[in-house]
Amino acid sequence: MNQSDVLFLVVFLILLSSLTVFVVQFARSRRGRGGSDDGRAGWWEGPWDDDDKSR
């Protein structure tokens, strides 16, 4: 196993872990939107949305 093989393996593992984190975060955000209101706003909602709960 030479140096380019190790570099490829490291880059592949970094990309795989980044993709896994992205998919998990996306799945958690999609699951959090379904009907249950636990008081947490989405990452796109700021404090300016708190006074308009009729939507």
N, C-alpha and C. Protein backbone atom coordinates (compact mmCIF):
# COMPACT_ATOMS: atom_id res chain seq x y z
N MET A 1 0.86 -1.18 0.00
CA MET A 1 0.00 0.00 0.00
C MET A 1 0.90 1.24 0.00
N ASN A 2 0.85 2.01 -1.06
CA ASN A 2 1.73 3.17 -1.16
C ASN A 2 1.00 4.44 -0.68
N GLN A 3 1.67 5.56 -0.81
CA GLN A 3 1.17 6.80 -0.24
C GLN A 3 -0.11 7.28 -0.94
N SER A 4 -0.23 7.09 -2.23
CA SER A 4 -1.44 7.54 -2.92
C SER A 4 -2.65 6.70 -2.52
N ASP A 5 -2.45 5.41 -2.22
CA ASP A 5 -3.54 4.57 -1.75
C ASP A 5 -4.04 5.05 -0.38
N VAL A 6 -3.12 5.40 0.48
CA VAL A 6 -3.50 5.89 1.81
C VAL A 6 -4.23 7.22 1.69
N LEU A 7 -3.74 8.10 0.83
CA LEU A 7 -4.40 9.39 0.62
C LEU A 7 -5.81 9.19 0.08
N PHE A 8 -5.98 8.29 -0.87
CA PHE A 8 -7.30 8.00 -1.41
C PHE A 8 -8.21 7.46 -0.33
N LEU A 9 -7.71 6.59 0.52
CA LEU A 9 -8.51 6.01 1.60
C LEU A 9 -8.95 7.08 2.59
N VAL A 10 -8.05 7.97 2.94
CA VAL A 10 -8.38 9.04 3.90
C VAL A 10 -9.42 9.98 3.31
N VAL A 11 -9.25 10.38 2.05
CA VAL A 11 -10.21 11.27 1.41
C VAL A 11 -11.58 10.58 1.28
N PHE A 12 -11.56 9.30 0.94
CA PHE A 12 -12.80 8.56 0.83
C PHE A 12 -13.52 8.48 2.18
N LEU A 13 -12.80 8.24 3.25
CA LEU A 13 -13.42 8.17 4.58
C LEU A 13 -13.96 9.52 5.03
N ILE A 14 -13.27 10.59 4.70
CA ILE A 14 -13.76 11.93 5.05
C ILE A 14 -15.05 12.24 4.29
N LEU A 15 -15.07 11.94 3.01
CA LEU A 15 -16.28 12.18 2.21
C LEU A 15 -17.44 11.31 2.68
N LEU A 16 -17.17 10.07 3.02
CA LEU A 16 -18.21 9.17 3.49
C LEU A 16 -18.80 9.64 4.82
N SER A 17 -17.94 10.07 5.72
CA SER A 17 -18.45 10.56 7.02
C SER A 17 -19.21 11.87 6.85
N SER A 18 -18.77 12.74 5.96
CA SER A 18 -19.49 13.99 5.71
C SER A 18 -20.86 13.71 5.11
N LEU A 19 -20.93 12.78 4.19
CA LEU A 19 -22.20 12.42 3.59
C LEU A 19 -23.14 11.81 4.62
N THR A 20 -22.60 10.98 5.50
CA THR A 20 -23.42 10.37 6.54
C THR A 20 -23.98 11.42 7.48
N VAL A 21 -23.16 12.37 7.89
CA VAL A 21 -23.64 13.45 8.77
C VAL A 21 -24.71 14.27 8.07
N PHE A 22 -24.53 14.58 6.80
CA PHE A 22 -25.52 15.35 6.05
C PHE A 22 -26.85 14.60 5.97
N VAL A 23 -26.80 13.31 5.67
CA VAL A 23 -28.03 12.53 5.54
C VAL A 23 -28.75 12.43 6.88
N VAL A 24 -28.01 12.23 7.96
CA VAL A 24 -28.63 12.14 9.29
C VAL A 24 -29.27 13.46 9.67
N GLN A 25 -28.60 14.57 9.43
CA GLN A 25 -29.17 15.87 9.75
C GLN A 25 -30.41 16.15 8.91
N PHE A 26 -30.38 15.77 7.65
CA PHE A 26 -31.53 15.97 6.78
C PHE A 26 -32.72 15.12 7.23
N ALA A 27 -32.44 13.88 7.61
CA ALA A 27 -33.52 13.00 8.06
C ALA A 27 -34.11 13.50 9.37
N ARG A 28 -33.28 14.00 10.27
CA ARG A 28 -33.79 14.53 11.54
C ARG A 28 -34.64 15.77 11.32
N SER A 29 -34.25 16.62 10.37
CA SER A 29 -35.04 17.83 10.12
C SER A 29 -36.36 17.49 9.45
N ARG A 30 -36.38 16.48 8.58
CA ARG A 30 -37.63 16.07 7.94
C ARG A 30 -38.57 15.42 8.95
N ARG A 31 -38.03 14.62 9.85
CA ARG A 31 -38.86 13.94 10.83
C ARG A 31 -39.43 14.94 11.84
N GLY A 32 -38.69 15.99 12.14
CA GLY A 32 -39.13 16.96 13.13
C GLY A 32 -40.29 17.82 12.67
N ARG A 33 -40.58 17.83 11.37
CA ARG A 33 -41.64 18.69 10.85
C ARG A 33 -43.02 18.06 10.94
N GLY A 34 -43.11 16.78 11.22
CA GLY A 34 -44.41 16.14 11.16
C GLY A 34 -45.28 16.43 12.35
N GLY A 35 -46.26 17.19 12.31
CA GLY A 35 -47.30 17.45 13.27
C GLY A 35 -46.98 17.67 14.73
N SER A 36 -45.96 17.08 15.28
CA SER A 36 -45.71 17.24 16.71
C SER A 36 -45.01 18.57 16.97
N ASP A 37 -45.61 19.37 17.82
CA ASP A 37 -45.05 20.68 18.12
C ASP A 37 -44.34 20.61 19.45
N ASP A 38 -43.03 20.48 19.42
CA ASP A 38 -42.27 20.36 20.66
C ASP A 38 -41.63 21.69 21.07
N GLY A 39 -42.01 22.77 20.42
CA GLY A 39 -41.51 24.08 20.82
C GLY A 39 -40.24 24.51 20.13
N ARG A 40 -39.63 23.63 19.36
CA ARG A 40 -38.40 24.01 18.68
C ARG A 40 -38.71 24.48 17.28
N ALA A 41 -38.12 25.59 16.90
CA ALA A 41 -38.31 26.11 15.55
C ALA A 41 -37.27 25.48 14.64
N GLY A 42 -37.51 25.54 13.33
CA GLY A 42 -36.54 25.06 12.38
C GLY A 42 -35.35 26.01 12.31
N TRP A 43 -34.28 25.58 11.67
CA TRP A 43 -33.07 26.40 11.63
C TRP A 43 -33.29 27.67 10.82
N TRP A 44 -34.31 27.69 9.94
CA TRP A 44 -34.55 28.87 9.11
C TRP A 44 -35.44 29.88 9.81
N GLU A 45 -36.05 29.50 10.92
CA GLU A 45 -36.96 30.40 11.61
C GLU A 45 -36.21 31.15 12.70
N GLY A 46 -36.38 32.42 12.71
CA GLY A 46 -35.73 33.23 13.72
C GLY A 46 -36.73 33.70 14.76
N PRO A 47 -36.30 34.54 15.69
CA PRO A 47 -37.20 35.03 16.72
C PRO A 47 -38.30 35.92 16.16
N TRP A 48 -38.13 36.41 14.94
CA TRP A 48 -39.16 37.26 14.33
C TRP A 48 -40.39 36.45 13.94
N ASP A 49 -40.31 35.12 13.92
CA ASP A 49 -41.46 34.29 13.57
C ASP A 49 -42.27 33.87 14.78
N ASP A 50 -41.83 34.18 15.99
CA ASP A 50 -42.52 33.72 17.19
C ASP A 50 -43.88 34.36 17.38
N ASP A 51 -44.03 35.61 16.95
CA ASP A 51 -45.30 36.30 17.18
C ASP A 51 -46.34 36.01 16.10
N ASP A 52 -46.01 35.21 15.10
CA ASP A 52 -46.95 34.89 14.04
C ASP A 52 -47.16 33.37 14.00
N LYS A 53 -47.85 32.84 14.99
CA LYS A 53 -48.04 31.40 15.09
C LYS A 53 -49.26 30.91 14.34
N SER A 54 -50.03 31.80 13.70
CA SER A 54 -51.25 31.39 13.02
C SER A 54 -50.97 30.63 11.74
N ARG A 55 -49.75 30.73 11.20
CA ARG A 55 -49.42 30.04 9.95
C ARG A 55 -49.16 28.59 10.18
